[in-house]
N, C-alpha and C. Protein backbone atom coordinates (compact mmCIF):
# COMPACT_ATOMS: atom_id res chain seq x y z
N MET A 1 117.93 96.24 79.47
CA MET A 1 116.84 95.29 79.88
C MET A 1 115.55 95.84 78.96
N THR A 2 115.17 95.00 78.17
CA THR A 2 113.91 95.53 77.53
C THR A 2 112.50 95.25 78.31
N LEU A 3 111.45 95.87 78.04
CA LEU A 3 110.28 95.84 78.88
C LEU A 3 109.73 94.25 78.97
N LEU A 4 109.90 93.59 77.97
CA LEU A 4 109.66 91.95 77.86
C LEU A 4 110.50 91.33 78.81
N SER A 5 111.89 91.74 78.65
CA SER A 5 112.56 90.87 79.78
C SER A 5 112.51 91.25 80.93
N THR A 6 112.13 92.35 81.38
CA THR A 6 111.67 92.78 82.77
C THR A 6 110.54 91.80 83.22
N VAL A 7 109.49 91.56 82.57
CA VAL A 7 108.58 90.59 82.83
C VAL A 7 109.04 89.23 83.04
N ARG A 8 109.74 88.83 82.05
CA ARG A 8 110.37 87.49 81.96
C ARG A 8 111.18 87.29 83.30
N ALA A 9 112.07 88.40 83.74
CA ALA A 9 112.93 88.13 84.83
C ALA A 9 111.96 88.07 86.13
N HIS A 10 110.85 88.83 86.10
CA HIS A 10 109.90 88.52 87.21
C HIS A 10 109.47 87.20 87.42
N TYR A 11 109.09 86.38 86.55
CA TYR A 11 108.61 85.13 86.48
C TYR A 11 109.81 84.04 86.61
N ALA A 12 110.96 84.45 86.09
CA ALA A 12 112.13 83.72 86.46
C ALA A 12 112.44 83.67 87.82
N ALA A 13 112.57 84.67 88.38
CA ALA A 13 112.73 85.08 89.90
C ALA A 13 111.53 84.28 90.91
N SER A 14 110.63 84.46 90.41
CA SER A 14 109.33 83.70 91.10
C SER A 14 109.61 82.12 91.05
N ALA A 15 110.13 81.58 89.87
CA ALA A 15 110.34 80.23 89.81
C ALA A 15 111.37 79.49 90.84
N ARG A 16 112.32 80.45 91.00
CA ARG A 16 113.57 80.17 91.84
C ARG A 16 113.19 80.61 93.32
N GLY A 17 112.11 81.27 93.60
CA GLY A 17 111.77 81.74 94.99
C GLY A 17 112.52 83.00 95.41
N ASP A 18 112.83 83.89 94.40
CA ASP A 18 113.59 84.89 94.66
C ASP A 18 112.76 86.09 94.83
N LEU A 19 112.32 86.41 95.94
CA LEU A 19 111.23 87.68 96.34
C LEU A 19 111.96 88.77 95.88
N ALA A 20 113.29 89.08 96.24
CA ALA A 20 113.89 90.34 95.95
C ALA A 20 113.87 90.60 94.38
N GLY A 21 114.19 89.70 93.77
CA GLY A 21 114.17 89.57 92.24
C GLY A 21 112.92 89.70 91.77
N MET A 22 111.75 89.38 92.17
CA MET A 22 110.32 89.59 91.90
C MET A 22 109.90 90.84 92.02
N LEU A 23 110.48 91.70 93.08
CA LEU A 23 110.16 92.99 93.53
C LEU A 23 110.93 93.78 92.71
N ALA A 24 112.00 93.74 92.03
CA ALA A 24 112.96 94.51 91.65
C ALA A 24 112.52 95.48 90.65
N PRO A 25 111.50 95.30 89.85
CA PRO A 25 111.07 96.30 88.77
C PRO A 25 109.93 97.09 89.24
N ILE A 26 109.44 96.79 90.64
CA ILE A 26 108.42 97.50 91.08
C ILE A 26 108.87 98.81 91.86
N THR A 27 108.50 99.93 91.27
CA THR A 27 108.87 101.25 92.06
C THR A 27 107.86 101.53 92.86
N GLU A 28 108.13 102.77 93.59
CA GLU A 28 107.21 103.22 94.75
C GLU A 28 106.03 103.83 94.22
N THR A 29 105.83 104.02 92.94
CA THR A 29 104.55 104.60 92.48
C THR A 29 103.90 103.33 91.64
N SER A 30 104.41 101.99 91.50
CA SER A 30 103.76 100.89 90.75
C SER A 30 102.49 100.59 91.42
N ARG A 31 101.68 100.49 90.68
CA ARG A 31 100.23 99.96 91.19
C ARG A 31 100.03 98.48 90.73
N TRP A 32 99.80 97.71 91.81
CA TRP A 32 99.71 96.05 91.80
C TRP A 32 98.20 95.81 91.98
N THR A 33 97.50 95.32 91.21
CA THR A 33 96.04 95.08 91.43
C THR A 33 95.80 93.49 91.31
N GLU A 34 95.30 93.00 92.51
CA GLU A 34 94.91 91.59 92.59
C GLU A 34 93.22 91.52 92.41
N ALA A 35 92.97 90.62 91.63
CA ALA A 35 91.50 90.49 91.09
C ALA A 35 90.58 90.41 92.20
N ALA A 36 89.55 91.20 92.00
CA ALA A 36 88.19 91.26 92.68
C ALA A 36 87.77 89.87 92.99
N GLY A 37 87.40 89.58 94.19
CA GLY A 37 87.04 88.03 94.46
C GLY A 37 88.09 87.32 95.13
N SER A 38 89.34 87.80 95.01
CA SER A 38 90.46 87.07 95.54
C SER A 38 90.60 87.30 96.93
N GLU A 39 91.04 86.57 97.85
CA GLU A 39 91.42 86.91 99.25
C GLU A 39 92.55 88.12 99.38
N TYR A 40 93.21 88.32 98.27
CA TYR A 40 94.29 89.35 98.35
C TYR A 40 93.95 90.36 97.51
N ALA A 41 92.49 90.65 97.25
CA ALA A 41 91.83 91.55 96.21
C ALA A 41 92.33 93.09 96.65
N GLY A 42 92.75 93.69 95.74
CA GLY A 42 92.89 95.32 96.18
C GLY A 42 94.03 95.84 95.34
N VAL A 43 94.35 97.06 95.52
CA VAL A 43 95.48 97.79 94.80
C VAL A 43 96.50 97.98 95.80
N TYR A 44 97.70 97.54 95.50
CA TYR A 44 98.62 97.75 96.35
C TYR A 44 99.91 98.76 95.51
N THR A 45 100.51 99.84 96.38
CA THR A 45 101.24 100.63 95.73
C THR A 45 102.53 100.31 96.34
N GLY A 46 103.64 100.21 95.54
CA GLY A 46 105.08 100.20 95.84
C GLY A 46 105.55 98.80 96.31
N PRO A 47 106.70 98.50 96.21
CA PRO A 47 107.18 97.06 96.69
C PRO A 47 106.89 96.56 98.03
N ASP A 48 106.92 97.43 99.01
CA ASP A 48 106.73 96.98 100.35
C ASP A 48 105.23 96.65 100.38
N ALA A 49 104.28 97.42 99.98
CA ALA A 49 102.66 97.10 99.78
C ALA A 49 102.65 95.71 99.24
N VAL A 50 103.27 95.54 98.17
CA VAL A 50 103.09 94.17 97.17
C VAL A 50 103.61 92.98 97.98
N ARG A 51 104.92 93.35 98.56
CA ARG A 51 105.42 92.36 99.45
C ARG A 51 104.45 91.65 100.41
N ALA A 52 103.96 92.67 101.34
CA ALA A 52 103.31 92.37 102.60
C ALA A 52 101.87 91.88 102.15
N GLY A 53 101.19 92.70 101.31
CA GLY A 53 99.81 92.38 100.93
C GLY A 53 99.60 91.29 100.10
N VAL A 54 100.79 90.80 99.26
CA VAL A 54 100.45 89.65 98.41
C VAL A 54 101.54 88.55 98.43
N PHE A 55 102.65 88.74 98.38
CA PHE A 55 103.66 87.86 98.45
C PHE A 55 103.77 86.88 99.77
N GLU A 56 103.70 87.84 100.80
CA GLU A 56 104.09 87.19 102.05
C GLU A 56 102.78 86.52 102.58
N ARG A 57 101.62 86.91 102.20
CA ARG A 57 100.34 86.35 102.57
C ARG A 57 100.14 85.04 101.58
N ILE A 58 100.63 84.99 100.41
CA ILE A 58 100.53 83.68 99.64
C ILE A 58 101.45 82.82 100.09
N GLY A 59 102.79 83.09 100.67
CA GLY A 59 103.77 82.17 101.06
C GLY A 59 103.17 81.48 102.53
N ALA A 60 102.43 82.50 103.28
CA ALA A 60 101.81 81.86 104.55
C ALA A 60 100.72 81.02 104.21
N ASP A 61 99.79 81.42 103.35
CA ASP A 61 98.63 80.41 103.03
C ASP A 61 98.75 79.33 102.19
N TRP A 62 99.90 79.24 101.33
CA TRP A 62 100.01 78.27 100.39
C TRP A 62 101.43 77.61 100.35
N ALA A 63 101.57 76.28 100.20
CA ALA A 63 102.68 75.42 100.04
C ALA A 63 102.86 75.15 98.48
N GLU A 64 103.95 75.18 98.04
CA GLU A 64 104.45 74.91 96.59
C GLU A 64 103.61 75.57 95.75
N PHE A 65 103.33 76.84 96.01
CA PHE A 65 102.49 77.74 95.23
C PHE A 65 103.56 78.11 93.94
N ALA A 66 102.81 78.24 92.84
CA ALA A 66 103.58 78.53 91.50
C ALA A 66 102.74 79.19 90.43
N ALA A 67 103.27 80.13 89.80
CA ALA A 67 102.66 80.86 88.73
C ALA A 67 103.35 80.18 87.49
N THR A 68 102.70 79.34 86.84
CA THR A 68 103.49 79.01 85.50
C THR A 68 103.06 79.66 84.11
N VAL A 69 103.73 80.41 83.38
CA VAL A 69 103.53 81.03 82.20
C VAL A 69 103.52 80.13 81.16
N ASP A 70 102.29 79.93 80.39
CA ASP A 70 102.26 79.38 79.13
C ASP A 70 102.63 80.33 77.99
N GLU A 71 102.15 81.49 78.04
CA GLU A 71 102.49 82.21 76.86
C GLU A 71 102.48 83.81 77.18
N VAL A 72 103.54 84.58 76.52
CA VAL A 72 103.77 85.88 76.76
C VAL A 72 103.38 86.79 75.67
N VAL A 73 102.58 87.77 75.82
CA VAL A 73 102.07 88.72 74.41
C VAL A 73 102.86 89.81 74.67
N ASP A 74 103.70 90.18 73.64
CA ASP A 74 104.55 91.41 73.75
C ASP A 74 103.82 92.73 72.96
N GLY A 75 103.45 93.36 73.62
CA GLY A 75 102.80 94.59 73.19
C GLY A 75 103.51 96.01 73.32
N GLY A 76 104.96 95.89 73.36
CA GLY A 76 105.40 96.79 73.59
C GLY A 76 105.55 97.43 75.20
N ASP A 77 104.80 98.57 75.27
CA ASP A 77 104.85 98.85 76.86
C ASP A 77 103.72 98.20 77.64
N ILE A 78 102.95 97.14 76.93
CA ILE A 78 102.14 96.39 77.56
C ILE A 78 102.25 94.97 77.26
N VAL A 79 102.44 94.23 78.36
CA VAL A 79 102.82 92.89 78.07
C VAL A 79 101.97 92.06 78.99
N VAL A 80 101.20 90.83 78.21
CA VAL A 80 100.32 90.09 78.82
C VAL A 80 100.95 88.50 79.05
N ALA A 81 100.76 88.13 80.24
CA ALA A 81 101.29 86.86 80.52
C ALA A 81 100.12 85.98 80.69
N ILE A 82 100.15 84.71 80.25
CA ILE A 82 98.79 83.94 80.19
C ILE A 82 99.40 82.37 80.91
N GLY A 83 98.56 82.02 82.15
CA GLY A 83 99.21 80.63 82.81
C GLY A 83 98.22 80.10 83.58
N ASN A 84 99.00 79.31 84.70
CA ASN A 84 98.24 78.61 85.60
C ASN A 84 98.98 78.94 86.87
N TYR A 85 98.19 79.09 87.82
CA TYR A 85 98.44 79.01 89.30
C TYR A 85 98.35 77.64 89.86
N THR A 86 99.26 77.01 90.44
CA THR A 86 99.12 75.81 91.17
C THR A 86 99.74 75.78 92.50
N GLY A 87 99.17 75.20 93.44
CA GLY A 87 99.57 75.14 94.84
C GLY A 87 98.82 74.28 95.74
N VAL A 88 99.13 74.08 96.88
CA VAL A 88 98.40 73.28 97.86
C VAL A 88 98.08 74.22 99.13
N ARG A 89 96.87 74.22 99.51
CA ARG A 89 96.57 75.34 100.55
C ARG A 89 97.07 74.62 101.97
N ARG A 90 97.72 75.33 102.59
CA ARG A 90 98.24 75.00 104.03
C ARG A 90 96.99 74.92 105.01
N GLY A 91 97.00 73.91 105.66
CA GLY A 91 96.08 73.66 106.66
C GLY A 91 94.78 72.82 106.27
N THR A 92 94.62 72.92 104.82
CA THR A 92 93.67 71.75 104.33
C THR A 92 94.13 70.71 103.44
N GLY A 93 95.36 71.04 102.79
CA GLY A 93 96.18 69.97 101.92
C GLY A 93 95.38 70.15 100.61
N LYS A 94 94.59 70.87 100.26
CA LYS A 94 93.87 70.75 99.07
C LYS A 94 94.62 71.23 98.07
N ALA A 95 94.74 70.65 96.95
CA ALA A 95 95.47 71.19 95.68
C ALA A 95 94.52 72.06 94.92
N VAL A 96 95.21 72.97 94.17
CA VAL A 96 94.28 73.91 93.33
C VAL A 96 95.07 74.15 92.02
N GLU A 97 94.44 74.22 90.83
CA GLU A 97 94.88 74.93 89.59
C GLU A 97 93.99 75.80 89.24
N ALA A 98 94.62 77.20 88.76
CA ALA A 98 93.59 78.14 88.27
C ALA A 98 94.17 78.84 87.21
N ARG A 99 93.40 79.16 86.22
CA ARG A 99 94.08 79.99 85.12
C ARG A 99 94.25 81.52 85.45
N PHE A 100 95.16 82.03 84.84
CA PHE A 100 95.40 83.63 84.93
C PHE A 100 95.70 84.16 83.82
N ALA A 101 95.44 85.68 83.75
CA ALA A 101 96.12 86.38 82.80
C ALA A 101 96.66 87.53 83.67
N HIS A 102 97.96 87.94 83.27
CA HIS A 102 98.67 89.19 84.22
C HIS A 102 98.87 90.25 83.01
N ILE A 103 98.42 91.42 83.29
CA ILE A 103 98.53 92.49 82.22
C ILE A 103 99.40 93.59 83.13
N TRP A 104 100.79 93.61 82.30
CA TRP A 104 101.82 94.55 82.74
C TRP A 104 101.65 95.80 82.00
N ARG A 105 101.88 96.86 82.49
CA ARG A 105 102.17 98.18 81.87
C ARG A 105 103.51 98.64 82.39
N LEU A 106 104.38 98.98 81.37
CA LEU A 106 105.76 99.07 81.85
C LEU A 106 106.32 100.64 81.35
N ALA A 107 107.20 101.11 81.76
CA ALA A 107 108.02 102.14 81.30
C ALA A 107 109.45 102.11 82.02
N ASP A 108 109.68 102.87 82.94
CA ASP A 108 111.01 102.64 83.59
C ASP A 108 110.60 101.76 84.97
N GLY A 109 110.50 100.61 84.68
CA GLY A 109 109.94 99.74 85.80
C GLY A 109 108.48 99.52 85.56
N VAL A 110 107.68 98.87 86.60
CA VAL A 110 106.38 98.62 86.18
C VAL A 110 105.66 99.67 86.60
N VAL A 111 104.70 100.11 85.54
CA VAL A 111 103.57 101.23 85.94
C VAL A 111 102.43 100.59 86.87
N SER A 112 102.07 99.32 86.22
CA SER A 112 100.81 98.75 86.76
C SER A 112 100.86 97.32 86.47
N PHE A 113 100.40 96.45 87.22
CA PHE A 113 100.08 95.24 87.13
C PHE A 113 98.66 94.84 87.47
N GLU A 114 98.07 94.04 86.52
CA GLU A 114 96.49 93.73 86.90
C GLU A 114 96.47 92.10 86.74
N GLN A 115 95.93 91.50 87.66
CA GLN A 115 95.70 90.25 87.67
C GLN A 115 94.18 89.77 87.38
N VAL A 116 93.98 88.93 86.36
CA VAL A 116 92.74 88.38 86.00
C VAL A 116 92.72 86.81 86.28
N ALA A 117 91.98 86.30 87.21
CA ALA A 117 92.23 85.02 87.64
C ALA A 117 90.63 84.35 87.95
N ASP A 118 90.94 82.92 87.92
CA ASP A 118 89.94 82.22 88.13
C ASP A 118 89.81 82.34 89.83
N THR A 119 89.31 83.20 90.41
CA THR A 119 89.24 83.31 91.92
C THR A 119 88.26 82.39 92.57
N ALA A 120 87.36 81.73 91.91
CA ALA A 120 86.39 80.72 92.54
C ALA A 120 87.35 79.38 92.65
N ARG A 121 88.04 79.11 91.74
CA ARG A 121 88.92 77.99 91.96
C ARG A 121 89.97 78.10 93.17
N LEU A 122 90.53 79.39 93.15
CA LEU A 122 91.63 79.65 94.23
C LEU A 122 90.96 79.62 95.54
N ALA A 123 89.49 79.99 95.82
CA ALA A 123 88.94 80.07 97.08
C ALA A 123 88.95 78.55 97.56
């Protein structure tokens, strides 16, 4: 599997609701950074921390949440995905759409992931 296909496989797993597939390339030393200003802001290390600190919280807070990728830039061991988040906030029923860029650094799995997002829109 190429580094680019690793990132594409993550988004394909996300689209089908496959959390195990999303977490598959994340190693015990992978660093996952959620944007400052986000309710999930912080750095999570390893798949268990990413699952609990990010994906399970998103699932609890949002209905119909999706990350739709419009463009992927292949820089070899750095891959950038650009797209939109959409979702409906549980409790309020408010819909949201917010732009994002995801910066993936890869080797044998994910070295690091950094989210850049319009956190004001997400709030």
